[in-house]
Amino acid sequence: MHDLQLIIATLAGIALLLFLVTKVKLNAFIALLIASIFVGLAAGMPAYAIIDSMQTGMGGTLGFVATVVGLGAIFGQILQHSGGAEAVARTMLKKFGNKNASWAMVITGFFVAIPVFFDVAFIILVPLVYALGRDTGRSLLYYGIPLLTGLAVTHAFIPPTPGPIAVADILGADLGWIILFGFIIGIPTAVVAGPLFGRYIGSKIHVPVPEYMMLDEGDQPDDDTLPPFWLLISIISVPLILILGNTLTAAFVAQGSIQPGFLSSAIMFIGHPFIALTIAVLIALYWLGTRRGATREQLSKISMESMKPAGVIILITGAGGVFKEVLVDSGVGEMLATNMAEIGLPVIVLAWLIAAAVRITQGSATVAMITAAGIVYPIMINFDFSEPYKALVVLSIAAGATILSHVNDSGFWLVNRYFGMSEKDTLNSWTVMATIVAVMGLLLALTLSFFVG
């Protein structure tokens, strides 16, 4: 009877969360807190225990997420302000030429979205898609879908983007493994959903440059004023390499392949996400700010501006930590783990299904990721999963939260407006692309799970 009460409490809590977000249009932060309180009460938790769980969940989550997301946001804002996104895109287009421009756009999107938020990166780079469309006479989708795919894949799979950071913290997964597997899963996914699908859909739906998006060519910065390509790629690579170095060194030390000592400790220290991102931010501030003539006041203002979008993500993630903690303390996780063991459904598949269901219902990928992570974490703590497997669960959640972007997702309308398409054409192009990313992400994560155990 107690198990039935826990199941009903959990399902009712999720239903309440979705109702508050989709129908009442309540902010996701408040909705997650209300759903957490409801689940605790419905599961029979004492009132004081619910308050303790909320405080523990919020504090434990924000200690990591606030630092990493905050540093990542500053890092991205500096690159955006310096013209780094345009510089990467223009260099790639010169290397590949107009004939292979779709490949240049997917690679550009892939790397630019590591430090820069998805929507900001798209708005910065879409004029290059317009220019290619005008020059070649091809549909904007031929170049736009590869760009969007590169941005979407990285946004979902590769830290320090906020989604995987938030899920990794809730599930206690190592960022180094997520970065490594994110590239392994992300690259083939980007190829299929980007240039290959873009070529197909671009031949089926012709999308010209919208008249209301015609830009004055004189408004675009000259190549000479943009930072050098090699510098940008080097700076973007710094936190990724340091974090990976930390993860691999820790793994070798644990296996006994490397003896613990000063060098291994130093690598693991500078490779911690806090230190790695701080180093990357300082490098970016100097090379993309001070060396390019920016004053201290300008750099301070840029850093402050980056906190606005980061603050929303941090608070929602903290509320997700509250939801997770209430599910753990109420006994829901133990009950779900027992039932899952009997069914035999892999956690990777369950995590993907939950994220996909929430995403389709309410539209926000962030809310879908955090909700799914909160539900899956209490299950995972009852199993002895390896660090690589935890990373794959994070990536399966991110994949599920990408699926079937439609009219309840702001990303759908962003693409619809900037490409001037009908809702039907947006569904046939952008929505299908997002779904390819989601399905391929699941299949590749599941395949890798057989090798890491």
Protein backbone atom coordinates (compact mmCIF):
# COMPACT_ATOMS: atom_id res chain seq x y z
CA MET A 1 0.00 0.00 0.00
CA HIS A 2 2.88 2.35 0.84
CA ASP A 3 4.46 1.73 -2.59
CA LEU A 4 1.16 2.62 -4.27
CA GLN A 5 1.03 5.87 -2.27
CA LEU A 6 4.56 6.75 -3.42
CA ILE A 7 3.75 6.01 -7.07
CA ILE A 8 0.59 8.14 -6.94
CA ALA A 9 2.47 10.96 -5.19
CA THR A 10 5.22 10.96 -7.82
CA LEU A 11 2.88 10.86 -10.82
CA ALA A 12 0.63 13.52 -9.31
CA GLY A 13 3.66 15.71 -8.57
CA ILE A 14 4.89 15.48 -12.16
CA ALA A 15 1.37 16.20 -13.45
CA LEU A 16 1.17 19.24 -11.16
CA LEU A 17 4.54 20.50 -12.38
CA LEU A 18 3.52 20.19 -16.02
CA PHE A 19 0.15 21.87 -15.33
CA LEU A 20 1.79 24.82 -13.58
CA VAL A 21 4.34 25.33 -16.34
CA THR A 22 2.11 24.76 -19.38
CA LYS A 23 -1.35 25.97 -18.33
CA VAL A 24 -0.76 28.41 -15.49
CA LYS A 25 2.45 29.67 -17.18
CA LEU A 26 4.12 29.78 -13.78
CA ASN A 27 7.89 30.29 -13.68
CA ALA A 28 9.67 26.90 -13.70
CA PHE A 29 11.60 27.76 -10.51
CA ILE A 30 8.41 28.32 -8.49
CA ALA A 31 6.63 25.39 -10.18
CA LEU A 32 9.42 22.96 -9.22
CA LEU A 33 9.34 24.13 -5.60
CA ILE A 34 5.54 23.72 -5.40
CA ALA A 35 5.72 20.26 -7.01
CA SER A 36 8.43 19.23 -4.55
CA ILE A 37 6.33 20.29 -1.54
CA PHE A 38 3.30 18.50 -2.99
CA VAL A 39 5.22 15.23 -3.53
CA GLY A 40 6.62 15.36 0.00
CA LEU A 41 3.18 15.88 1.57
CA ALA A 42 1.49 13.30 -0.66
CA ALA A 43 4.20 10.75 0.16
CA GLY A 44 3.55 11.24 3.89
CA MET A 45 6.70 13.15 4.82
CA PRO A 46 6.51 15.32 7.98
CA ALA A 47 6.38 19.04 7.20
CA TYR A 48 9.71 19.79 8.91
CA ALA A 49 11.39 16.98 6.91
CA ILE A 50 10.19 18.53 3.64
CA ILE A 51 11.76 21.87 4.62
CA ASP A 52 15.04 20.13 5.49
CA SER A 53 15.02 18.30 2.14
CA MET A 54 14.38 21.55 0.27
CA GLN A 55 17.27 23.30 2.00
CA THR A 56 19.63 20.36 1.46
CA GLY A 57 18.65 19.95 -2.18
CA MET A 58 18.98 23.63 -3.02
CA GLY A 59 22.28 24.14 -1.20
CA GLY A 60 23.90 20.94 -2.42
CA THR A 61 23.04 21.66 -6.04
CA LEU A 62 23.93 25.34 -6.20
CA GLY A 63 27.36 24.87 -4.63
CA PHE A 64 28.60 23.39 -7.90
CA VAL A 65 26.17 24.62 -10.55
CA ALA A 66 26.23 28.31 -9.64
CA THR A 67 30.01 28.41 -9.90
CA VAL A 68 30.34 26.50 -13.17
CA VAL A 69 27.38 28.07 -14.98
CA GLY A 70 28.42 31.54 -13.81
CA LEU A 71 32.00 31.13 -15.04
CA GLY A 72 30.78 29.53 -18.28
CA ALA A 73 28.42 32.45 -18.91
CA ILE A 74 31.20 35.03 -18.46
CA PHE A 75 33.45 32.98 -20.75
CA GLY A 76 30.79 32.90 -23.46
CA GLN A 77 29.91 36.58 -23.14
CA ILE A 78 33.54 37.60 -23.68
CA LEU A 79 33.79 35.47 -26.83
CA GLN A 80 30.51 36.88 -28.09
CA HIS A 81 31.53 40.48 -27.43
CA SER A 82 34.92 40.03 -29.15
CA GLY A 83 33.32 38.83 -32.38
CA GLY A 84 34.67 35.32 -31.84
CA ALA A 85 31.63 33.55 -33.29
CA GLU A 86 31.83 35.48 -36.59
CA ALA A 87 35.59 34.92 -36.75
CA VAL A 88 35.24 31.14 -36.39
CA ALA A 89 32.43 31.00 -38.97
CA ARG A 90 34.22 33.15 -41.58
CA THR A 91 37.47 31.22 -41.24
CA MET A 92 35.63 27.91 -41.63
CA LEU A 93 33.80 29.18 -44.72
CA LYS A 94 37.09 30.28 -46.30
CA LYS A 95 38.65 26.88 -45.61
CA PHE A 96 35.71 24.86 -46.94
CA GLY A 97 34.44 27.20 -49.68
CA ASN A 98 30.81 27.75 -50.68
CA LYS A 99 30.58 24.27 -52.16
CA ASN A 100 31.15 22.63 -48.76
CA ALA A 101 29.69 25.47 -46.69
CA SER A 102 27.19 23.18 -44.95
CA TRP A 103 30.12 21.31 -43.35
CA ALA A 104 31.69 24.62 -42.33
CA MET A 105 28.43 25.66 -40.66
CA VAL A 106 27.97 22.47 -38.63
CA ILE A 107 31.58 22.62 -37.39
CA THR A 108 31.19 26.30 -36.56
CA GLY A 109 27.97 25.66 -34.63
CA PHE A 110 29.57 22.74 -32.83
CA PHE A 111 32.47 24.78 -31.44
CA VAL A 112 30.79 28.16 -30.96
CA ALA A 113 28.01 26.68 -28.78
CA ILE A 114 30.54 25.36 -26.25
CA PRO A 115 30.98 28.80 -24.67
CA VAL A 116 28.02 30.77 -26.13
CA PHE A 117 24.30 30.17 -25.38
CA PHE A 118 22.34 28.50 -28.22
CA ASP A 119 19.97 31.35 -29.08
CA VAL A 120 22.68 34.02 -28.87
CA ALA A 121 25.04 32.02 -31.09
CA PHE A 122 22.28 31.48 -33.66
CA ILE A 123 21.35 35.16 -33.83
CA ILE A 124 25.03 36.10 -34.25
CA LEU A 125 25.69 33.56 -37.02
CA VAL A 126 22.43 33.58 -38.99
CA PRO A 127 23.53 36.54 -41.18
CA LEU A 128 26.20 34.23 -42.64
CA VAL A 129 23.43 31.76 -43.56
CA TYR A 130 21.59 34.62 -45.30
CA ALA A 131 24.74 35.57 -47.22
CA LEU A 132 25.26 31.98 -48.37
CA GLY A 133 21.61 31.73 -49.42
CA ARG A 134 21.86 34.92 -51.47
CA ASP A 135 25.19 33.97 -53.07
CA THR A 136 24.23 30.42 -54.07
CA GLY A 137 20.47 30.68 -54.54
CA ARG A 138 19.99 27.63 -52.33
CA SER A 139 17.37 27.24 -49.62
CA LEU A 140 18.42 28.70 -46.26
CA LEU A 141 17.79 25.24 -44.79
CA TYR A 142 20.74 23.85 -46.79
CA TYR A 143 23.07 25.89 -44.57
CA GLY A 144 20.80 26.72 -41.63
CA ILE A 145 20.03 23.15 -40.56
CA PRO A 146 23.75 22.24 -40.27
CA LEU A 147 24.37 25.38 -38.21
CA LEU A 148 21.38 24.66 -35.96
CA THR A 149 22.46 21.04 -35.57
CA GLY A 150 25.99 21.99 -34.52
CA LEU A 151 24.58 24.41 -31.98
CA ALA A 152 21.93 21.99 -30.68
CA VAL A 153 24.27 19.00 -30.36
CA THR A 154 26.89 20.91 -28.39
CA HIS A 155 24.23 22.69 -26.31
CA ALA A 156 22.89 19.29 -25.27
CA PHE A 157 25.99 17.11 -25.00
CA ILE A 158 29.14 19.08 -24.18
CA PRO A 159 29.85 21.01 -20.95
CA PRO A 160 30.24 23.77 -19.91
CA THR A 161 26.84 24.36 -21.54
CA PRO A 162 24.24 24.69 -18.74
CA GLY A 163 22.08 21.61 -19.50
CA PRO A 164 24.66 18.86 -19.03
CA ILE A 165 26.25 20.82 -16.16
CA ALA A 166 22.94 20.84 -14.26
CA VAL A 167 22.17 17.17 -14.92
CA ALA A 168 25.73 16.10 -14.12
CA ASP A 169 25.54 17.78 -10.74
CA ILE A 170 22.17 16.28 -9.84
CA LEU A 171 23.31 12.78 -10.86
CA GLY A 172 26.83 13.17 -9.44
CA ALA A 173 28.46 12.43 -12.82
CA ASP A 174 32.00 13.37 -13.84
CA LEU A 175 32.24 16.20 -16.40
CA GLY A 176 35.34 14.75 -18.03
CA TRP A 177 33.53 11.56 -19.04
CA ILE A 178 30.58 13.63 -20.24
CA ILE A 179 32.86 15.75 -22.44
CA LEU A 180 34.59 12.66 -23.86
CA PHE A 181 31.37 10.77 -24.61
CA GLY A 182 29.70 14.01 -25.68
CA PHE A 183 32.17 14.30 -28.54
CA ILE A 184 31.90 10.58 -29.41
CA ILE A 185 28.10 10.80 -29.56
CA GLY A 186 27.87 14.38 -30.82
CA ILE A 187 30.08 14.21 -33.91
CA PRO A 188 28.23 11.43 -35.82
CA THR A 189 24.90 12.86 -34.65
CA ALA A 190 25.83 16.30 -35.98
CA VAL A 191 26.89 14.83 -39.34
CA VAL A 192 23.61 12.96 -39.88
CA ALA A 193 21.21 15.62 -38.54
CA GLY A 194 23.24 18.50 -40.03
CA PRO A 195 24.78 18.36 -43.53
CA LEU A 196 23.08 15.10 -44.55
CA PHE A 197 19.57 15.99 -43.43
CA GLY A 198 20.13 19.65 -44.36
CA ARG A 199 20.95 18.67 -47.95
CA TYR A 200 17.78 16.56 -48.12
CA ILE A 201 15.35 19.04 -46.56
CA GLY A 202 16.99 21.97 -48.39
CA SER A 203 16.08 20.30 -51.69
CA LYS A 204 12.48 19.75 -50.55
CA ILE A 205 11.68 23.14 -48.99
CA HIS A 206 13.03 26.30 -50.59
CA VAL A 207 13.41 29.05 -48.02
CA PRO A 208 14.64 32.44 -49.32
CA VAL A 209 16.04 35.17 -47.07
CA PRO A 210 13.00 36.84 -45.41
CA GLU A 211 12.52 40.45 -46.55
CA TYR A 212 12.27 41.65 -42.95
CA MET A 213 15.68 40.07 -42.27
CA MET A 214 17.56 41.74 -45.13
CA LEU A 215 20.73 43.22 -43.63
CA ASP A 216 23.01 45.98 -44.77
CA GLU A 217 26.32 44.35 -45.65
CA GLY A 218 28.09 47.40 -44.22
CA ASP A 219 26.80 46.47 -40.75
CA GLN A 220 29.05 43.39 -40.63
CA PRO A 221 32.50 43.75 -39.03
CA ASP A 222 35.60 43.46 -41.23
CA ASP A 223 37.71 40.33 -40.95
CA ASP A 224 40.68 42.44 -39.85
CA THR A 225 38.82 43.61 -36.75
CA LEU A 226 37.95 40.09 -35.58
CA PRO A 227 40.17 37.97 -33.30
CA PRO A 228 42.33 35.29 -35.00
CA PHE A 229 40.84 31.84 -35.50
CA TRP A 230 43.73 29.95 -33.86
CA LEU A 231 43.41 32.05 -30.72
CA LEU A 232 39.67 31.41 -30.42
CA ILE A 233 39.95 27.64 -30.86
CA SER A 234 42.85 27.55 -28.37
CA ILE A 235 40.85 29.47 -25.74
CA ILE A 236 37.70 27.35 -26.25
CA SER A 237 39.81 24.19 -25.92
CA VAL A 238 41.47 25.19 -22.63
CA PRO A 239 38.68 24.17 -20.19
CA LEU A 240 37.83 21.03 -22.18
CA ILE A 241 41.43 19.78 -22.19
CA LEU A 242 41.99 20.60 -18.51
CA ILE A 243 38.77 18.88 -17.38
CA LEU A 244 39.51 15.82 -19.51
CA GLY A 245 43.04 15.73 -18.09
CA ASN A 246 41.60 15.69 -14.58
CA THR A 247 39.22 12.83 -15.37
CA LEU A 248 41.76 10.62 -17.17
CA THR A 249 44.47 11.21 -14.54
CA ALA A 250 42.06 10.35 -11.72
CA ALA A 251 41.05 7.17 -13.57
CA PHE A 252 44.67 6.09 -14.10
CA VAL A 253 45.55 6.80 -10.46
CA ALA A 254 42.54 4.75 -9.29
CA GLN A 255 43.63 1.84 -11.52
CA GLY A 256 47.20 2.02 -10.27
CA SER A 257 48.59 2.86 -13.72
CA ILE A 258 49.92 6.16 -12.35
CA GLN A 259 51.35 6.64 -8.87
CA PRO A 260 49.80 9.53 -6.94
CA GLY A 261 52.20 12.45 -6.58
CA PHE A 262 52.68 16.15 -7.10
CA LEU A 263 52.20 16.04 -10.90
CA SER A 264 49.00 13.98 -10.81
CA SER A 265 47.61 16.14 -7.99
CA ALA A 266 48.42 19.31 -9.93
CA ILE A 267 46.72 18.01 -13.09
CA MET A 268 43.62 17.03 -11.14
CA PHE A 269 43.56 20.40 -9.35
CA ILE A 270 43.77 22.60 -12.44
CA GLY A 271 41.40 20.21 -14.22
CA HIS A 272 38.61 20.65 -11.68
CA PRO A 273 35.78 22.55 -13.46
CA PHE A 274 36.08 25.48 -11.02
CA ILE A 275 39.79 25.99 -11.70
CA ALA A 276 39.68 25.08 -15.42
CA LEU A 277 36.92 27.60 -16.15
CA THR A 278 38.53 30.29 -14.01
CA ILE A 279 41.75 29.87 -16.02
CA ALA A 280 39.78 30.01 -19.30
CA VAL A 281 37.94 33.17 -18.21
CA LEU A 282 41.19 34.92 -17.23
CA ILE A 283 42.80 33.97 -20.56
CA ALA A 284 39.73 35.21 -22.46
CA LEU A 285 39.59 38.46 -20.47
CA TYR A 286 43.21 39.21 -21.35
CA TRP A 287 43.52 38.00 -24.96
CA LEU A 288 40.00 38.87 -26.16
CA GLY A 289 39.52 41.88 -23.90
CA THR A 290 42.55 43.75 -22.63
CA ARG A 291 44.79 42.93 -25.62
CA ARG A 292 42.05 44.12 -27.97
CA GLY A 293 41.64 47.48 -26.27
CA ALA A 294 38.78 46.80 -23.87
CA THR A 295 38.88 48.79 -20.63
CA ARG A 296 38.41 47.27 -17.18
CA GLU A 297 35.03 48.98 -16.92
CA GLN A 298 33.90 47.44 -20.23
CA LEU A 299 35.04 43.96 -19.19
CA SER A 300 33.29 44.33 -15.83
CA LYS A 301 30.07 45.34 -17.61
CA ILE A 302 30.35 42.38 -20.03
CA SER A 303 30.79 40.01 -17.07
CA MET A 304 27.76 41.47 -15.27
CA GLU A 305 25.56 41.18 -18.39
CA SER A 306 26.35 37.47 -18.62
CA MET A 307 24.81 36.88 -15.19
CA LYS A 308 21.26 37.68 -16.34
CA PRO A 309 20.58 34.48 -18.35
CA ALA A 310 22.85 32.45 -16.05
CA GLY A 311 20.85 33.46 -12.98
CA VAL A 312 17.63 31.96 -14.33
CA ILE A 313 19.33 28.66 -15.18
CA ILE A 314 21.03 28.50 -11.76
CA LEU A 315 17.75 29.00 -9.86
CA ILE A 316 15.83 26.45 -11.93
CA THR A 317 18.63 23.94 -11.43
CA GLY A 318 18.55 24.58 -7.68
CA ALA A 319 14.81 23.89 -7.64
CA GLY A 320 15.54 20.68 -9.56
CA GLY A 321 17.90 19.73 -6.75
CA VAL A 322 15.05 20.29 -4.29
CA PHE A 323 12.77 18.02 -6.33
CA LYS A 324 15.49 15.34 -6.40
CA GLU A 325 16.08 15.51 -2.64
CA VAL A 326 12.38 15.22 -1.79
CA LEU A 327 12.08 12.14 -4.04
CA VAL A 328 15.09 10.57 -2.28
CA ASP A 329 13.97 11.36 1.27
CA SER A 330 10.37 10.29 0.65
CA GLY A 331 11.48 6.78 -0.36
CA VAL A 332 10.29 7.13 -3.96
CA GLY A 333 13.72 6.36 -5.39
CA GLU A 334 14.16 3.10 -3.52
CA MET A 335 10.70 1.97 -4.57
CA LEU A 336 11.32 2.87 -8.25
CA ALA A 337 14.72 1.15 -8.20
CA THR A 338 13.17 -2.07 -6.90
CA ASN A 339 10.47 -2.03 -9.58
CA MET A 340 12.99 -1.18 -12.31
CA ALA A 341 15.20 -4.09 -11.34
CA GLU A 342 12.22 -6.38 -11.78
CA ILE A 343 11.28 -4.91 -15.19
CA GLY A 344 14.87 -4.95 -16.49
CA LEU A 345 14.60 -1.60 -18.31
CA PRO A 346 18.04 0.06 -18.69
CA VAL A 347 18.36 3.33 -16.77
CA ILE A 348 19.60 5.03 -19.94
CA VAL A 349 16.33 4.24 -21.72
CA LEU A 350 14.17 5.21 -18.75
CA ALA A 351 16.02 8.52 -18.36
CA TRP A 352 15.56 9.30 -22.07
CA LEU A 353 11.84 8.46 -21.98
CA ILE A 354 11.19 10.68 -18.95
CA ALA A 355 13.11 13.62 -20.44
CA ALA A 356 11.37 13.19 -23.80
CA ALA A 357 7.89 13.04 -22.22
CA VAL A 358 8.47 16.22 -20.20
CA ARG A 359 10.05 18.01 -23.18
CA ILE A 360 7.16 17.21 -25.53
CA THR A 361 4.59 18.22 -22.92
CA GLN A 362 5.97 21.58 -21.75
CA GLY A 363 8.61 22.59 -24.32
CA SER A 364 11.59 23.67 -22.21
CA ALA A 365 14.67 21.48 -22.64
CA THR A 366 16.12 22.78 -19.38
CA VAL A 367 13.02 21.89 -17.35
CA ALA A 368 12.89 18.48 -19.08
CA MET A 369 16.52 17.73 -18.22
CA ILE A 370 16.24 18.81 -14.59
CA THR A 371 12.93 17.01 -14.01
CA ALA A 372 14.25 13.78 -15.53
CA ALA A 373 17.48 14.03 -13.52
CA GLY A 374 15.50 14.54 -10.31
CA ILE A 375 13.43 11.41 -10.97
CA VAL A 376 16.35 9.24 -12.12
CA TYR A 377 18.83 10.16 -9.36
CA PRO A 378 16.95 8.38 -6.52
CA ILE A 379 16.95 5.25 -8.71
CA MET A 380 20.66 5.46 -9.55
CA ILE A 381 21.84 5.69 -5.94
CA ASN A 382 20.45 2.19 -5.39
CA PHE A 383 22.77 0.76 -8.07
CA ASP A 384 26.56 0.68 -8.31
CA PHE A 385 27.05 2.38 -11.68
CA SER A 386 30.51 3.28 -13.00
CA GLU A 387 31.45 6.90 -13.75
CA PRO A 388 31.36 6.34 -17.54
CA TYR A 389 27.86 4.85 -17.25
CA LYS A 390 26.64 7.83 -15.20
CA ALA A 391 27.95 10.11 -17.94
CA LEU A 392 25.96 8.19 -20.54
CA VAL A 393 22.80 8.58 -18.42
CA VAL A 394 23.41 12.35 -18.40
CA LEU A 395 23.76 12.34 -22.19
CA SER A 396 20.63 10.21 -22.66
CA ILE A 397 18.66 12.74 -20.60
CA ALA A 398 20.08 15.57 -22.71
CA ALA A 399 19.12 13.68 -25.87
CA GLY A 400 15.58 13.05 -24.67
CA ALA A 401 15.17 16.72 -23.74
CA THR A 402 16.03 17.70 -27.33
CA ILE A 403 13.28 15.72 -29.05
CA LEU A 404 10.31 17.05 -31.02
CA SER A 405 10.71 20.80 -30.53
CA HIS A 406 7.34 22.24 -31.53
CA VAL A 407 5.01 25.20 -30.87
CA ASN A 408 5.49 25.17 -27.06
CA ASP A 409 9.28 25.65 -27.40
CA SER A 410 10.84 29.12 -27.80
CA GLY A 411 13.52 27.61 -30.06
CA PHE A 412 10.83 26.63 -32.56
CA TRP A 413 9.67 30.24 -32.91
CA LEU A 414 13.24 31.56 -33.03
CA VAL A 415 13.97 29.43 -36.09
CA ASN A 416 10.52 30.13 -37.56
CA ARG A 417 11.03 33.91 -37.34
CA TYR A 418 14.62 34.11 -38.55
CA PHE A 419 14.00 31.82 -41.53
CA GLY A 420 10.55 33.22 -42.31
CA MET A 421 8.96 29.77 -42.62
CA SER A 422 5.43 28.56 -42.07
CA GLU A 423 4.72 26.45 -38.99
CA LYS A 424 4.42 23.36 -41.21
CA ASP A 425 7.84 23.90 -42.80
CA THR A 426 9.38 24.58 -39.40
CA LEU A 427 7.97 21.28 -38.15
CA ASN A 428 9.28 19.44 -41.22
CA SER A 429 12.78 20.89 -40.86
CA TRP A 430 13.75 22.11 -37.38
CA THR A 431 11.51 19.68 -35.46
CA VAL A 432 12.67 16.66 -37.48
CA MET A 433 16.31 17.71 -37.02
CA ALA A 434 15.86 17.94 -33.22
CA THR A 435 14.25 14.51 -33.21
CA ILE A 436 17.12 12.97 -35.21
CA VAL A 437 19.54 14.39 -32.61
CA ALA A 438 17.44 12.91 -29.79
CA VAL A 439 17.09 9.44 -31.28
CA MET A 440 20.71 9.15 -32.40
CA GLY A 441 21.84 10.38 -28.98
CA LEU A 442 19.89 7.59 -27.29
CA LEU A 443 21.07 4.86 -29.69
CA LEU A 444 24.73 5.86 -29.41
CA ALA A 445 24.58 6.22 -25.62
CA LEU A 446 22.94 2.80 -25.34
CA THR A 447 25.55 1.27 -27.63
CA LEU A 448 28.43 2.75 -25.60
CA SER A 449 26.84 1.51 -22.36
CA PHE A 450 27.48 -2.11 -23.42
CA PHE A 451 31.22 -1.38 -23.44
CA VAL A 452 31.54 0.62 -20.20
CA GLY A 453 29.22 -1.42 -17.98
